[in-house]
Protein backbone atom coordinates (compact mmCIF):
# COMPACT_ATOMS: atom_id res chain seq x y z
CA UNK A 1 -12.81 -1.31 16.50
CA UNK A 2 -13.43 2.18 17.87
CA UNK A 3 -15.34 5.07 16.32
CA UNK A 4 -12.24 6.79 14.95
CA UNK A 5 -11.26 3.58 13.13
CA UNK A 6 -14.68 3.45 11.54
CA UNK A 7 -14.44 7.08 10.43
CA UNK A 8 -11.04 6.35 8.89
CA UNK A 9 -12.50 3.44 6.94
CA UNK A 10 -15.54 5.33 5.76
CA UNK A 11 -13.54 8.04 4.02
CA UNK A 12 -12.13 5.39 1.66
CA UNK A 13 -15.48 3.85 0.77
CA UNK A 14 -16.66 6.42 -1.81
CA UNK A 15 -13.23 6.32 -3.45
CA UNK A 16 -13.33 2.56 -4.01
CA UNK A 17 -17.00 2.04 -4.79
CA UNK A 18 -17.48 0.23 -8.15
CA UNK A 19 -13.71 0.00 -8.63
CA UNK A 20 -12.05 -3.25 -9.64
CA UNK A 21 -9.55 -4.92 -7.30
CA UNK A 22 -7.58 -7.91 -8.56
CA UNK A 23 -6.68 -10.19 -5.65
CA UNK A 24 -3.72 -12.40 -6.59
CA UNK A 25 -3.63 -15.32 -4.18
CA UNK A 26 -0.75 -17.77 -3.78
CA UNK A 27 -1.74 -21.42 -3.52
CA UNK A 28 0.05 -21.71 -0.19
CA UNK A 29 -2.06 -18.89 1.22
CA UNK A 30 -5.21 -20.65 0.02
CA UNK A 31 -4.07 -23.69 2.01
CA UNK A 32 -3.33 -21.67 5.17
CA UNK A 33 -5.42 -21.29 8.31
CA UNK A 34 -5.92 -17.61 7.46
CA UNK A 35 -7.70 -18.31 4.18
CA UNK A 36 -11.14 -18.34 5.82
CA UNK A 37 -10.43 -14.84 7.16
CA UNK A 38 -9.38 -13.66 3.70
CA UNK A 39 -12.70 -14.90 2.31
CA UNK A 40 -14.51 -12.83 4.94
CA UNK A 41 -12.41 -9.81 3.93
CA UNK A 42 -13.46 -10.31 0.32
CA UNK A 43 -17.08 -10.38 1.48
CA UNK A 44 -16.49 -7.04 3.20
CA UNK A 45 -15.10 -5.56 -0.03
CA UNK A 46 -18.10 -6.80 -1.99
CA UNK A 47 -20.49 -5.36 0.61
CA UNK A 48 -18.83 -1.98 -0.04
CA UNK A 49 -19.46 -2.35 -3.80
CA UNK A 50 -15.85 -3.10 -4.65
CA UNK A 51 -15.65 -5.43 -7.67
CA UNK A 52 -13.30 -8.32 -6.94
CA UNK A 53 -11.50 -10.64 -9.34
CA UNK A 54 -9.60 -13.53 -7.75
CA UNK A 55 -6.53 -14.81 -9.62
CA UNK A 56 -4.91 -17.72 -7.84
CA UNK A 57 -1.71 -19.67 -8.06
CA UNK A 58 -1.40 -23.39 -7.38
CA UNK A 59 2.31 -24.12 -7.01
CA UNK A 60 1.88 -25.43 -3.47
CA UNK A 61 -0.94 -27.78 -4.51
CA UNK A 62 0.92 -28.92 -7.63
CA UNK A 63 3.95 -29.97 -5.57
CA UNK A 64 1.72 -31.82 -3.10
CA UNK A 65 -0.17 -33.66 -5.83
CA UNK A 66 3.08 -34.62 -7.59
CA UNK A 67 4.28 -36.20 -4.35
CA UNK A 68 1.04 -38.14 -4.01
CA UNK A 69 1.41 -39.45 -7.57
CA UNK A 70 5.15 -39.97 -7.20
CA UNK A 71 5.95 -37.99 -10.34
CA UNK A 72 8.75 -35.54 -10.98
CA UNK A 73 7.87 -31.97 -11.95
CA UNK A 74 9.81 -29.90 -14.44
CA UNK A 75 8.60 -26.76 -12.63
CA UNK A 76 5.81 -25.75 -10.30
CA UNK A 77 5.33 -21.99 -10.72
CA UNK A 78 4.70 -21.69 -14.45
CA UNK A 79 7.96 -19.94 -15.31
CA UNK A 80 10.16 -22.85 -16.35
CA UNK A 81 9.65 -25.87 -18.60
CA UNK A 82 6.27 -27.59 -18.35
CA UNK A 83 6.30 -31.10 -19.77
CA UNK A 84 3.14 -33.15 -20.35
CA UNK A 85 3.28 -34.88 -16.97
CA UNK A 86 3.71 -31.57 -15.16
CA UNK A 87 0.87 -30.05 -17.17
CA UNK A 88 -1.52 -32.84 -16.23
CA UNK A 89 -0.66 -32.50 -12.54
CA UNK A 90 -1.01 -28.72 -12.82
CA UNK A 91 -4.46 -28.95 -14.41
CA UNK A 92 -5.75 -31.36 -11.78
CA UNK A 93 -4.31 -29.39 -8.85
CA UNK A 94 -5.39 -25.98 -10.17
CA UNK A 95 -8.97 -26.98 -10.98
CA UNK A 96 -9.34 -28.75 -7.65
CA UNK A 97 -8.15 -25.57 -5.88
CA UNK A 98 -10.47 -23.41 -7.98
CA UNK A 99 -13.38 -25.53 -6.82
CA UNK A 100 -12.29 -25.24 -3.18
CA UNK A 101 -12.03 -21.47 -3.50
CA UNK A 102 -15.51 -21.28 -5.02
CA UNK A 103 -16.86 -23.38 -2.16
CA UNK A 104 -15.24 -20.99 0.29
CA UNK A 105 -16.70 -17.95 -1.46
CA UNK A 106 -20.14 -19.55 -1.38
CA UNK A 107 -19.75 -20.13 2.36
CA UNK A 108 -19.46 -16.35 2.89
CA UNK A 109 -22.49 -15.70 0.64
CA UNK A 110 -20.53 -14.59 -2.40
CA UNK A 111 -21.46 -15.77 -5.86
CA UNK A 112 -18.46 -16.94 -7.85
CA UNK A 113 -17.72 -18.42 -11.25
CA UNK A 114 -14.71 -20.12 -12.79
CA UNK A 115 -13.96 -18.58 -16.16
CA UNK A 116 -11.32 -19.52 -18.74
CA UNK A 117 -10.58 -15.86 -19.36
CA UNK A 118 -6.86 -16.22 -20.06
CA UNK A 119 -6.00 -16.71 -23.71
CA UNK A 120 -2.42 -17.94 -23.94
CA UNK A 121 0.19 -18.98 -26.46
CA UNK A 122 3.28 -21.15 -25.94
CA UNK A 123 6.23 -19.48 -24.30
CA UNK A 124 8.22 -21.18 -27.05
CA UNK A 125 11.96 -21.72 -27.23
CA UNK A 126 13.86 -19.63 -24.72
CA UNK A 127 17.63 -19.81 -24.51
CA UNK A 128 17.56 -22.69 -26.93
CA UNK A 129 15.18 -24.72 -24.72
CA UNK A 130 11.59 -25.56 -25.67
CA UNK A 131 9.35 -24.70 -22.72
CA UNK A 132 6.66 -27.03 -24.09
CA UNK A 133 3.36 -26.43 -22.22
CA UNK A 134 4.41 -23.26 -20.38
CA UNK A 135 2.29 -20.41 -21.67
CA UNK A 136 2.31 -16.65 -21.85
CA UNK A 137 -0.80 -14.55 -21.58
CA UNK A 138 -1.79 -13.28 -25.01
CA UNK A 139 -4.95 -11.49 -23.98
CA UNK A 140 -7.74 -11.57 -21.42
CA UNK A 141 -11.44 -12.09 -22.16
CA UNK A 142 -12.49 -8.79 -20.66
CA UNK A 143 -16.07 -9.06 -21.86
CA UNK A 144 -16.63 -12.29 -19.94
CA UNK A 145 -15.07 -10.87 -16.77
CA UNK A 146 -17.10 -7.66 -16.94
CA UNK A 147 -20.34 -9.57 -17.47
CA UNK A 148 -19.70 -11.45 -14.25
CA UNK A 149 -18.59 -8.38 -12.31
CA UNK A 150 -21.63 -6.40 -13.41
CA UNK A 151 -23.83 -9.17 -12.02
CA UNK A 152 -22.06 -9.12 -8.67
CA UNK A 153 -20.23 -12.39 -9.34
CA UNK A 154 -16.59 -12.92 -8.32
CA UNK A 155 -14.62 -14.36 -11.27
CA UNK A 156 -12.07 -16.97 -10.19
CA UNK A 157 -9.13 -17.27 -12.59
CA UNK A 158 -6.79 -20.28 -12.24
CA UNK A 159 -3.17 -20.31 -13.47
CA UNK A 160 -4.14 -21.91 -16.78
CA UNK A 161 -4.44 -20.44 -20.26
CA UNK A 162 -6.08 -21.72 -23.42
CA UNK A 163 -5.32 -21.14 -27.06
CA UNK A 164 -7.68 -20.97 -30.03
CA UNK A 165 -7.31 -24.68 -30.71
CA UNK A 166 -8.30 -25.78 -27.23
CA UNK A 167 -4.83 -26.52 -25.89
CA UNK A 168 -4.11 -25.80 -22.23
CA UNK A 169 -0.97 -24.08 -20.95
CA UNK A 170 0.41 -23.51 -17.48
CA UNK A 171 0.77 -19.78 -16.84
CA UNK A 172 2.32 -17.93 -13.93
CA UNK A 173 -0.39 -16.44 -11.72
CA UNK A 174 1.65 -13.33 -10.81
CA UNK A 175 1.99 -12.43 -14.48
CA UNK A 176 -1.64 -13.34 -15.20
CA UNK A 177 -2.80 -10.93 -12.50
CA UNK A 178 -0.90 -8.12 -14.25
CA UNK A 179 -2.72 -8.74 -17.54
CA UNK A 180 -6.11 -9.09 -15.86
CA UNK A 181 -5.54 -5.87 -13.93
CA UNK A 182 -4.47 -3.95 -17.02
CA UNK A 183 -7.35 -5.17 -19.21
CA UNK A 184 -9.94 -4.39 -16.54
CA UNK A 185 -8.41 -0.98 -15.71
CA UNK A 186 -8.19 -2.16 -12.11
CA UNK A 187 -7.54 0.36 -9.35
CA UNK A 188 -5.43 -2.14 -7.44
CA UNK A 189 -3.70 -5.48 -7.72
CA UNK A 190 -3.14 -7.04 -4.32
CA UNK A 191 -0.66 -9.91 -4.06
CA UNK A 192 -1.16 -12.18 -1.06
CA UNK A 193 2.04 -14.15 -0.54
CA UNK A 194 2.73 -16.78 2.14
CA UNK A 195 4.58 -15.71 5.26
CA UNK A 196 7.38 -18.13 4.39
CA UNK A 197 8.17 -16.06 1.28
CA UNK A 198 9.02 -13.05 3.46
CA UNK A 199 11.31 -14.95 5.84
CA UNK A 200 15.04 -14.39 5.84
CA UNK A 201 15.28 -11.24 3.75
CA UNK A 202 15.29 -7.48 4.43
CA UNK A 203 12.03 -5.84 5.41
CA UNK A 204 10.43 -4.24 2.38
CA UNK A 205 9.72 -0.48 2.45
CA UNK A 206 6.09 0.55 2.90
CA UNK A 207 6.09 2.42 -0.43
CA UNK A 208 8.14 2.03 -3.59
CA UNK A 209 8.04 3.83 -6.91
CA UNK A 210 8.36 1.76 -10.07
CA UNK A 211 11.97 2.80 -10.50
CA UNK A 212 12.84 2.09 -6.87
CA UNK A 213 11.18 -1.33 -7.13
CA UNK A 214 13.17 -2.37 -10.18
CA UNK A 215 16.40 -1.07 -8.67
CA UNK A 216 15.71 -2.94 -5.43
CA UNK A 217 15.16 -6.24 -7.24
CA UNK A 218 18.22 -5.72 -9.42
CA UNK A 219 20.42 -4.81 -6.46
CA UNK A 220 19.15 -7.36 -3.93
CA UNK A 221 17.52 -10.13 -5.95
CA UNK A 222 19.51 -12.83 -4.17
CA UNK A 223 18.25 -11.54 -0.82
CA UNK A 224 14.60 -12.17 -1.75
CA UNK A 225 12.67 -15.38 -2.25
CA UNK A 226 11.67 -16.17 -5.81
CA UNK A 227 8.04 -15.48 -4.88
CA UNK A 228 8.74 -11.96 -3.59
CA UNK A 229 11.11 -11.08 -6.44
CA UNK A 230 8.48 -12.21 -8.95
CA UNK A 231 5.76 -10.16 -7.32
CA UNK A 232 7.91 -7.04 -7.10
CA UNK A 233 8.78 -7.30 -10.79
CA UNK A 234 5.15 -7.91 -11.72
CA UNK A 235 4.05 -5.01 -9.52
CA UNK A 236 6.39 -2.65 -11.35
CA UNK A 237 5.22 -3.99 -14.70
CA UNK A 238 1.56 -3.56 -13.73
CA UNK A 239 2.17 0.08 -12.82
CA UNK A 240 3.94 0.67 -16.14
CA UNK A 241 0.92 -0.84 -17.90
CA UNK A 242 -1.52 1.49 -16.15
CA UNK A 243 -2.51 -0.01 -12.79
CA UNK A 244 -2.12 2.87 -10.31
CA UNK A 245 -1.33 0.83 -7.19
CA UNK A 246 -0.05 -2.67 -6.50
CA UNK A 247 0.18 -4.05 -2.97
CA UNK A 248 2.25 -6.93 -1.61
CA UNK A 249 1.03 -8.46 1.66
CA UNK A 250 1.67 -11.40 3.94
CA UNK A 251 -1.44 -13.48 3.34
CA UNK A 252 -0.90 -15.38 6.55
CA UNK A 253 -1.68 -12.37 8.73
CA UNK A 254 -5.28 -11.84 9.75
CA UNK A 255 -6.80 -8.50 8.64
CA UNK A 256 -3.73 -7.62 6.55
CA UNK A 257 -5.89 -7.07 3.46
CA UNK A 258 -8.39 -4.68 5.04
CA UNK A 259 -5.69 -2.88 7.04
CA UNK A 260 -3.72 -2.16 3.88
CA UNK A 261 -6.77 -0.85 2.03
CA UNK A 262 -8.59 1.07 4.75
CA UNK A 263 -5.98 2.62 7.02
CA UNK A 264 -3.52 5.51 6.86
CA UNK A 265 -0.55 3.40 7.87
CA UNK A 266 -1.35 0.32 5.81
CA UNK A 267 0.28 -3.03 6.41
CA UNK A 268 2.42 -4.25 3.52
CA UNK A 269 4.31 -2.72 0.61
CA UNK A 270 2.69 -0.51 -2.01
CA UNK A 271 4.23 -0.01 -5.45
CA UNK A 272 2.92 3.09 -7.17
CA UNK A 273 3.08 4.45 -10.70
CA UNK A 274 2.73 8.08 -9.69
CA UNK A 275 2.23 9.71 -6.33
CA UNK A 276 -0.08 12.68 -6.06
CA UNK A 277 1.00 14.98 -3.26
CA UNK A 278 -0.32 18.28 -2.04
CA UNK A 279 0.06 20.53 0.97
CA UNK A 280 -3.17 22.34 1.78
CA UNK A 281 -4.88 24.22 4.56
CA UNK A 282 -7.12 22.16 6.79
CA UNK A 283 -10.87 22.68 6.99
CA UNK A 284 -13.25 21.99 9.86
CA UNK A 285 -13.92 18.52 8.43
CA UNK A 286 -10.18 17.74 8.66
CA UNK A 287 -9.78 18.37 12.39
CA UNK A 288 -10.61 14.77 13.32
CA UNK A 289 -8.09 13.54 10.76
CA UNK A 290 -5.37 15.74 12.24
CA UNK A 291 -6.15 14.58 15.77
CA UNK A 292 -6.12 10.93 14.63
CA UNK A 293 -2.85 11.48 12.78
CA UNK A 294 -1.01 12.89 15.80
CA UNK A 295 -2.71 10.76 18.47
CA UNK A 296 0.19 8.38 19.04
CA UNK A 297 2.74 11.20 19.08
CA UNK A 298 0.69 12.98 21.75
CA UNK A 299 0.57 9.78 23.82
CA UNK A 300 4.35 9.50 23.47
CA UNK A 301 4.66 13.13 24.70
CA UNK A 302 6.36 14.15 21.47
CA UNK A 303 3.63 16.68 20.71
CA UNK A 304 1.53 18.70 23.10
CA UNK A 305 -2.11 17.67 23.37
CA UNK A 306 -4.49 19.80 21.31
CA UNK A 307 -8.24 19.80 21.71
CA UNK A 308 -10.63 20.13 18.82
CA UNK A 309 -11.58 23.59 20.06
CA UNK A 310 -7.95 24.72 20.20
CA UNK A 311 -7.33 23.63 16.63
CA UNK A 312 -10.56 25.25 15.42
CA UNK A 313 -9.57 28.54 17.07
CA UNK A 314 -6.39 28.66 14.97
CA UNK A 315 -7.64 26.69 12.00
CA UNK A 316 -5.86 28.89 9.47
CA UNK A 317 -2.49 27.97 11.03
CA UNK A 318 -2.69 24.24 10.22
CA UNK A 319 -1.66 22.46 7.03
CA UNK A 320 -1.90 18.88 5.81
CA UNK A 321 0.37 16.97 3.46
CA UNK A 322 -1.71 14.45 1.53
CA UNK A 323 -0.64 11.55 -0.63
CA UNK A 324 -3.45 10.37 -2.90
CA UNK A 325 -5.87 12.37 -0.73
CA UNK A 326 -4.73 10.52 2.39
CA UNK A 327 -3.33 12.72 5.21
CA UNK A 328 0.18 11.52 6.01
CA UNK A 329 1.76 14.55 7.70
CA UNK A 330 0.87 17.92 9.19
CA UNK A 331 2.40 21.16 10.39
CA UNK A 332 1.26 24.45 11.90
CA UNK A 333 2.71 27.95 11.72
CA UNK A 334 1.62 30.21 14.57
CA UNK A 335 2.40 33.89 13.88
CA UNK A 336 3.45 36.51 16.44
CA UNK A 337 3.38 39.70 14.34
CA UNK A 338 4.62 42.07 17.08
CA UNK A 339 7.92 40.19 17.24
CA UNK A 340 7.93 39.29 13.51
CA UNK A 341 8.29 35.67 14.57
CA UNK A 342 6.61 32.42 13.67
CA UNK A 343 6.39 29.14 15.56
CA UNK A 344 6.84 25.84 13.73
CA UNK A 345 4.42 23.57 15.57
CA UNK A 346 2.57 20.27 15.30
CA UNK A 347 5.11 18.88 12.82
CA UNK A 348 4.34 15.19 12.44
CA UNK A 349 4.78 12.47 9.81
CA UNK A 350 2.92 9.16 10.12
CA UNK A 351 5.12 6.18 10.94
CA UNK A 352 4.26 4.50 7.63
CA UNK A 353 5.60 7.49 5.70
CA UNK A 354 8.79 8.26 7.60
CA UNK A 355 12.17 8.59 5.86
CA UNK A 356 10.63 9.91 2.65
CA UNK A 357 11.48 13.57 3.13
CA UNK A 358 8.00 14.72 4.15
CA UNK A 359 9.20 16.29 7.41
CA UNK A 360 11.80 18.39 5.63
CA UNK A 361 9.29 19.31 2.95
CA UNK A 362 6.87 20.62 5.59
CA UNK A 363 9.65 22.51 7.40
CA UNK A 364 10.64 24.21 4.16
CA UNK A 365 6.99 24.96 3.42
CA UNK A 366 6.47 26.59 6.82
CA UNK A 367 9.62 28.66 6.44
CA UNK A 368 8.56 29.91 3.01
CA UNK A 369 5.14 30.74 4.40
CA UNK A 370 6.77 32.68 7.24
CA UNK A 371 8.90 34.66 4.78
CA UNK A 372 5.81 35.50 2.72
CA UNK A 373 4.26 36.92 5.90
CA UNK A 374 7.31 39.12 6.43
CA UNK A 375 8.57 37.27 9.50
CA UNK A 376 12.23 37.61 10.48
CA UNK A 377 12.69 34.37 12.38
CA UNK A 378 11.04 31.04 13.08
CA UNK A 379 11.27 29.03 16.28
CA UNK A 380 10.15 25.65 17.57
CA UNK A 381 9.73 23.93 20.92
CA UNK A 382 10.53 20.24 21.20
CA UNK A 383 10.97 17.57 23.84
CA UNK A 384 12.18 14.76 21.56
CA UNK A 385 12.72 16.00 17.99
CA UNK A 386 15.23 18.75 18.71
CA UNK A 387 18.13 16.81 17.13
CA UNK A 388 16.07 16.37 13.95
CA UNK A 389 15.29 20.09 13.84
CA UNK A 390 18.95 20.96 14.33
CA UNK A 391 20.35 18.47 11.83
CA UNK A 392 17.68 18.64 9.12
CA UNK A 393 16.28 22.12 9.61
CA UNK A 394 19.32 24.16 10.59
CA UNK A 395 17.84 25.31 13.89
CA UNK A 396 20.02 26.41 16.81
CA UNK A 397 19.21 26.19 20.51
CA UNK A 398 17.91 29.39 22.09
CA UNK A 399 16.98 30.71 25.54
CA UNK A 400 13.42 31.13 26.88
CA UNK A 401 13.98 34.89 26.78
CA UNK A 402 13.97 34.72 22.99
CA UNK A 403 10.33 33.63 22.91
CA UNK A 404 7.57 36.14 22.19
CA UNK A 405 6.05 37.30 25.49
CA UNK A 406 2.73 35.54 24.91
CA UNK A 407 4.43 32.27 23.98
CA UNK A 408 6.83 32.44 26.92
CA UNK A 409 3.95 32.55 29.38
CA UNK A 410 2.51 29.36 27.84
CA UNK A 411 5.94 27.76 27.84
CA UNK A 412 6.47 28.39 31.56
CA UNK A 413 2.92 27.29 32.45
CA UNK A 414 3.19 23.98 30.55
CA UNK A 415 6.15 22.67 32.59
CA UNK A 416 7.11 20.44 29.63
CA UNK A 417 10.64 21.87 29.73
CA UNK A 418 10.87 21.70 25.95
CA UNK A 419 14.06 22.77 24.26
CA UNK A 420 13.77 26.01 22.34
CA UNK A 421 15.22 26.22 18.88
CA UNK A 422 15.37 29.22 16.59
CA UNK A 423 16.35 30.08 13.05
CA UNK A 424 16.67 33.45 11.26
CA UNK A 425 14.82 33.79 7.98
CA UNK A 426 16.32 35.36 4.89
CA UNK A 427 14.10 37.91 3.16
CA UNK A 428 11.85 36.39 0.48
CA UNK A 429 12.68 37.46 -3.06
C-alpha cells in the first residue's frame, strides 16, 4: 500500500464511523480458503468503528451434511419446501457453521455472539403446496442486535427463524439480510457470494439502480446462477426498503471487501436507491484527489501530466463530478479572453464509472460555462480521445493556426502532436 492509497481510505473513515454494515456471507464462502482473510477484513472494519452484523447462509454445509447422513433434501437454500428431515439437517449444519464463524472471529480478537434475532412464521401454502418448515421473516429483534453492537460485539445470525411457540424454521439468508439491514437502518448490505456463482454469465455492471437491477434480472434471469439472481433481487428490495447501498462481491477474492468499501473504483457491483451527484469547483484539499483520479490516464499518455503547482495556479478552472461525495470524473475549462475561446481540458472519467454518461455531462457543463463567460468557441487537444470528442461532443478537427497564440506556443513545445478539435458556441439565452 502506498501513501496515496492510505489517503484514499482515510477520507471514507469519518463517513462510515458508527454506521452499521450487514455482511451477508454464503456458506460456500465460509468454507473457502479466503474466509480467514474476510475475518481479518471484518477486524479492520471494527477497528474503524464500523458496526458489523454477520448474517450467514449454510446451503453448502447442509448439502454436505445430508450426504454424510445419506438423506435426501427437499431444498437447501430456504426457498423451497423444507420437510422435517431437511429441517433437522439444516439446524445441525447451520449451528455448527455459526460456531465455526464465532471461533474465527475470536481468532482475530473480535467478540461475537449468536443471537436468535429472526422471528419467523411459516411460508405456508404456495401454489397449492405446503412448504412445511420453510419460514419467512416476520420481524427482527432489533433491541437485542443493538445491545450487542453498542457493546462492540459482532452479532452472528444463522439462516434460522423462530416463532412465538418455539418452533424453528429454515429461512433464506439473502432475504434475512434484507430485513436485518432495514430494521437496523444499515448503511450497507454486502453480499459475499462464491466465485462459482459468478461463472458462466455476463459480467455485472459496477453500478445499478433499483430499476435497472430488476430489469436486468427479468431480462436475463436464465443467464445468472440462482445465487446471483437471488442476491440481485434482494439488493433491489433492500434499497426499496431504505438501505442506501447494497454490494455484491466475489467472496473468494482476497481484499474484495475492503477494496469495494474504501476505493474510488470499487470491486464488485453496487445497487443504489438514489445517487447523489454534483459538479463543483475544486479546492486546494481536492488537488491530490484530482491527481490520483487522472494518474493512470497520465501514465497511458491520454492526458498531459500536471503538477500540483500547475493545478493550484489555475485552481478556478477545475471541476469535479462527485457521486455520493466520491470524485469520479473531472474537467477543466481554460479561458483565453482575447480570442473569446475556451479550452476543454483534463476531461476524465474513472474506469469504474465509464459508460454512464458522465463524460458527456461534463462536456455539456464546460460548454455552458464557456457560454456564460461570453466565449464564442471551445477547443480541445487530444492524443487518444479525439473520436469520442467528435462523436459525442460534436467537435470538428482544426488546424494549429486556430489555437490562441499563447496555447499554440505550448502546443508546439510539448511535441505531443495532439489532434486539435474545435466547436463554435451558440450564444447563451
